[in-house]
Amino acid sequence: MKKIDKIEILENGVLQIREIELLELKDGSTVSGGYHRYCLTPDINIESISDSKIKSIALVTWTQDIISNYKNSIKDM
């Protein structure tokens, strides 16, 4: 089972998400099986985000200015 344990918003609007993998032991307790990280950038379609908490953060964070500034910044690369 994976659980989101950290969501960070970078200055350029990129969302960094960290998931922790929880492994269930035979006695019913859980232990960490490690982390998985990924990023969502302001130029993606918000409707493609399946997690409701992340989607709501993107809706508030990704203003038209943030989206435009992000797209302009990657043109310069």
N, C-alpha and C. Protein backbone atom coordinates (compact mmCIF):
# COMPACT_ATOMS: atom_id res chain seq x y z
N MET A 1 0.85 -1.17 0.00
CA MET A 1 0.00 0.00 0.00
C MET A 1 0.90 1.24 0.00
N LYS A 2 0.54 2.22 -0.81
CA LYS A 2 1.28 3.48 -0.86
C LYS A 2 0.46 4.59 -0.23
N LYS A 3 1.15 5.48 0.45
CA LYS A 3 0.50 6.62 1.10
C LYS A 3 1.32 7.86 0.82
N ILE A 4 0.66 8.94 0.42
CA ILE A 4 1.36 10.21 0.20
C ILE A 4 1.68 10.80 1.56
N ASP A 5 2.96 11.08 1.79
CA ASP A 5 3.33 11.64 3.09
C ASP A 5 3.94 13.04 3.00
N LYS A 6 4.18 13.52 1.76
CA LYS A 6 4.71 14.88 1.63
C LYS A 6 4.35 15.44 0.26
N ILE A 7 3.86 16.69 0.27
CA ILE A 7 3.59 17.42 -0.97
C ILE A 7 4.27 18.78 -0.81
N GLU A 8 5.17 19.08 -1.73
CA GLU A 8 5.88 20.36 -1.69
C GLU A 8 5.56 21.15 -2.94
N ILE A 9 5.45 22.46 -2.77
CA ILE A 9 5.22 23.37 -3.90
C ILE A 9 6.49 24.18 -4.10
N LEU A 10 7.11 24.02 -5.26
CA LEU A 10 8.32 24.77 -5.57
C LEU A 10 7.96 26.17 -6.06
N GLU A 11 8.93 27.03 -6.08
CA GLU A 11 8.72 28.43 -6.48
C GLU A 11 8.13 28.54 -7.88
N ASN A 12 8.49 27.63 -8.78
CA ASN A 12 7.98 27.68 -10.16
C ASN A 12 6.63 26.97 -10.33
N GLY A 13 6.04 26.53 -9.22
CA GLY A 13 4.73 25.89 -9.27
C GLY A 13 4.75 24.38 -9.38
N VAL A 14 5.92 23.80 -9.56
CA VAL A 14 6.01 22.34 -9.65
C VAL A 14 5.63 21.73 -8.31
N LEU A 15 4.81 20.68 -8.36
CA LEU A 15 4.45 19.95 -7.15
C LEU A 15 5.35 18.72 -7.05
N GLN A 16 6.01 18.57 -5.91
CA GLN A 16 6.83 17.39 -5.64
C GLN A 16 6.06 16.53 -4.64
N ILE A 17 5.84 15.28 -5.01
CA ILE A 17 5.06 14.38 -4.17
C ILE A 17 5.96 13.23 -3.74
N ARG A 18 5.89 12.91 -2.45
CA ARG A 18 6.62 11.76 -1.93
C ARG A 18 5.61 10.77 -1.37
N GLU A 19 5.71 9.54 -1.83
CA GLU A 19 4.87 8.46 -1.34
C GLU A 19 5.74 7.52 -0.52
N ILE A 20 5.15 6.97 0.52
CA ILE A 20 5.82 5.95 1.30
C ILE A 20 5.09 4.64 1.05
N GLU A 21 5.85 3.60 0.82
CA GLU A 21 5.25 2.28 0.63
C GLU A 21 5.19 1.60 1.99
N LEU A 22 3.98 1.22 2.39
CA LEU A 22 3.79 0.55 3.67
C LEU A 22 3.61 -0.94 3.44
N LEU A 23 4.41 -1.73 4.12
CA LEU A 23 4.33 -3.17 4.00
C LEU A 23 3.65 -3.72 5.25
N GLU A 24 2.64 -4.54 5.05
CA GLU A 24 1.93 -5.11 6.20
C GLU A 24 2.58 -6.44 6.58
N LEU A 25 2.89 -6.53 7.87
CA LEU A 25 3.50 -7.74 8.39
C LEU A 25 2.42 -8.74 8.80
N LYS A 26 2.84 -9.96 9.05
CA LYS A 26 1.88 -11.02 9.41
C LYS A 26 1.10 -10.70 10.67
N ASP A 27 1.72 -9.94 11.59
CA ASP A 27 1.03 -9.60 12.84
C ASP A 27 0.07 -8.42 12.69
N GLY A 28 -0.05 -7.89 11.47
CA GLY A 28 -0.96 -6.78 11.21
C GLY A 28 -0.32 -5.41 11.29
N SER A 29 0.90 -5.32 11.79
CA SER A 29 1.58 -4.03 11.86
C SER A 29 2.16 -3.68 10.48
N THR A 30 2.55 -2.43 10.32
CA THR A 30 3.11 -1.99 9.04
C THR A 30 4.51 -1.43 9.25
N VAL A 31 5.33 -1.56 8.23
CA VAL A 31 6.67 -0.98 8.23
C VAL A 31 6.88 -0.27 6.89
N SER A 32 7.81 0.66 6.89
CA SER A 32 8.13 1.38 5.66
C SER A 32 8.90 0.49 4.71
N GLY A 33 8.46 0.48 3.46
CA GLY A 33 9.15 -0.28 2.44
C GLY A 33 9.96 0.62 1.52
N GLY A 34 10.01 1.91 1.82
CA GLY A 34 10.78 2.85 1.01
C GLY A 34 9.92 3.96 0.46
N TYR A 35 10.57 4.87 -0.23
CA TYR A 35 9.91 6.06 -0.76
C TYR A 35 9.93 6.06 -2.28
N HIS A 36 8.95 6.73 -2.83
CA HIS A 36 8.87 6.98 -4.27
C HIS A 36 8.52 8.45 -4.43
N ARG A 37 9.25 9.16 -5.27
CA ARG A 37 8.99 10.59 -5.49
C ARG A 37 8.67 10.84 -6.95
N TYR A 38 7.80 11.82 -7.18
CA TYR A 38 7.52 12.25 -8.54
C TYR A 38 7.07 13.70 -8.52
N CYS A 39 7.12 14.34 -9.68
CA CYS A 39 6.76 15.76 -9.81
C CYS A 39 5.62 15.92 -10.80
N LEU A 40 4.81 16.92 -10.54
CA LEU A 40 3.76 17.33 -11.48
C LEU A 40 4.03 18.78 -11.83
N THR A 41 4.04 19.07 -13.11
CA THR A 41 4.37 20.41 -13.58
C THR A 41 3.09 21.17 -13.97
N PRO A 42 3.14 22.50 -13.87
CA PRO A 42 1.96 23.32 -14.14
C PRO A 42 1.42 23.24 -15.57
N ASP A 43 2.15 22.62 -16.47
CA ASP A 43 1.67 22.55 -17.86
C ASP A 43 0.85 21.29 -18.15
N ILE A 44 0.58 20.46 -17.14
CA ILE A 44 -0.23 19.26 -17.38
C ILE A 44 -1.71 19.57 -17.19
N ASN A 45 -2.55 18.70 -17.68
CA ASN A 45 -3.99 18.83 -17.52
C ASN A 45 -4.36 18.42 -16.09
N ILE A 46 -4.94 19.34 -15.34
CA ILE A 46 -5.29 19.05 -13.94
C ILE A 46 -6.26 17.87 -13.85
N GLU A 47 -7.11 17.70 -14.84
CA GLU A 47 -8.07 16.59 -14.82
C GLU A 47 -7.38 15.22 -14.86
N SER A 48 -6.12 15.17 -15.26
CA SER A 48 -5.41 13.90 -15.30
C SER A 48 -4.87 13.47 -13.93
N ILE A 49 -4.99 14.35 -12.94
CA ILE A 49 -4.52 14.03 -11.58
C ILE A 49 -5.61 13.24 -10.86
N SER A 50 -5.28 12.03 -10.44
CA SER A 50 -6.29 11.16 -9.84
C SER A 50 -6.47 11.38 -8.33
N ASP A 51 -5.43 11.79 -7.64
CA ASP A 51 -5.53 12.00 -6.19
C ASP A 51 -6.23 13.32 -5.90
N SER A 52 -7.31 13.28 -5.14
CA SER A 52 -8.13 14.48 -4.91
C SER A 52 -7.39 15.56 -4.12
N LYS A 53 -6.53 15.18 -3.18
CA LYS A 53 -5.79 16.17 -2.39
C LYS A 53 -4.78 16.92 -3.28
N ILE A 54 -4.06 16.17 -4.10
CA ILE A 54 -3.09 16.79 -5.01
C ILE A 54 -3.81 17.65 -6.04
N LYS A 55 -4.94 17.16 -6.53
CA LYS A 55 -5.72 17.92 -7.52
C LYS A 55 -6.19 19.25 -6.94
N SER A 56 -6.65 19.25 -5.70
CA SER A 56 -7.13 20.50 -5.09
C SER A 56 -5.97 21.48 -4.87
N ILE A 57 -4.79 20.97 -4.53
CA ILE A 57 -3.62 21.84 -4.38
C ILE A 57 -3.23 22.44 -5.73
N ALA A 58 -3.27 21.63 -6.78
CA ALA A 58 -2.95 22.12 -8.12
C ALA A 58 -3.95 23.19 -8.56
N LEU A 59 -5.22 22.98 -8.29
CA LEU A 59 -6.25 23.96 -8.68
C LEU A 59 -6.00 25.33 -8.05
N VAL A 60 -5.55 25.33 -6.81
CA VAL A 60 -5.30 26.60 -6.11
C VAL A 60 -3.96 27.20 -6.52
N THR A 61 -2.96 26.35 -6.70
CA THR A 61 -1.60 26.81 -6.96
C THR A 61 -1.37 27.24 -8.39
N TRP A 62 -1.89 26.48 -9.31
CA TRP A 62 -1.59 26.72 -10.72
C TRP A 62 -2.49 27.79 -11.32
N THR A 63 -2.20 29.03 -10.97
CA THR A 63 -2.91 30.17 -11.55
C THR A 63 -2.44 30.33 -13.00
N GLN A 64 -3.13 31.15 -13.75
CA GLN A 64 -2.73 31.39 -15.14
C GLN A 64 -1.32 31.97 -15.21
N ASP A 65 -0.97 32.84 -14.25
CA ASP A 65 0.38 33.41 -14.22
C ASP A 65 1.44 32.34 -13.98
N ILE A 66 1.19 31.45 -13.05
CA ILE A 66 2.15 30.37 -12.76
C ILE A 66 2.32 29.48 -13.98
N ILE A 67 1.22 29.13 -14.63
CA ILE A 67 1.27 28.28 -15.83
C ILE A 67 2.06 28.96 -16.94
N SER A 68 1.76 30.23 -17.19
CA SER A 68 2.46 30.99 -18.24
C SER A 68 3.94 31.12 -17.94
N ASN A 69 4.28 31.46 -16.69
CA ASN A 69 5.68 31.61 -16.31
C ASN A 69 6.43 30.29 -16.43
N TYR A 70 5.77 29.19 -16.06
CA TYR A 70 6.42 27.88 -16.17
C TYR A 70 6.68 27.54 -17.64
N LYS A 71 5.68 27.74 -18.48
CA LYS A 71 5.85 27.43 -19.92
C LYS A 71 6.95 28.29 -20.53
N ASN A 72 7.02 29.55 -20.14
CA ASN A 72 8.08 30.43 -20.66
C ASN A 72 9.45 29.98 -20.16
N SER A 73 9.52 29.49 -18.95
CA SER A 73 10.82 29.08 -18.40
C SER A 73 11.36 27.83 -19.09
N ILE A 74 10.48 26.93 -19.52
CA ILE A 74 10.98 25.73 -20.18
C ILE A 74 11.30 25.99 -21.66
N LYS A 75 10.76 27.06 -22.22
CA LYS A 75 11.13 27.44 -23.60
C LYS A 75 12.58 27.85 -23.67
N ASP A 76 13.08 28.45 -22.58
CA ASP A 76 14.45 28.96 -22.54
C ASP A 76 15.49 27.87 -22.35
N MET A 77 15.06 26.66 -22.09
CA MET A 77 16.02 25.57 -21.82
C MET A 77 16.59 25.01 -23.10
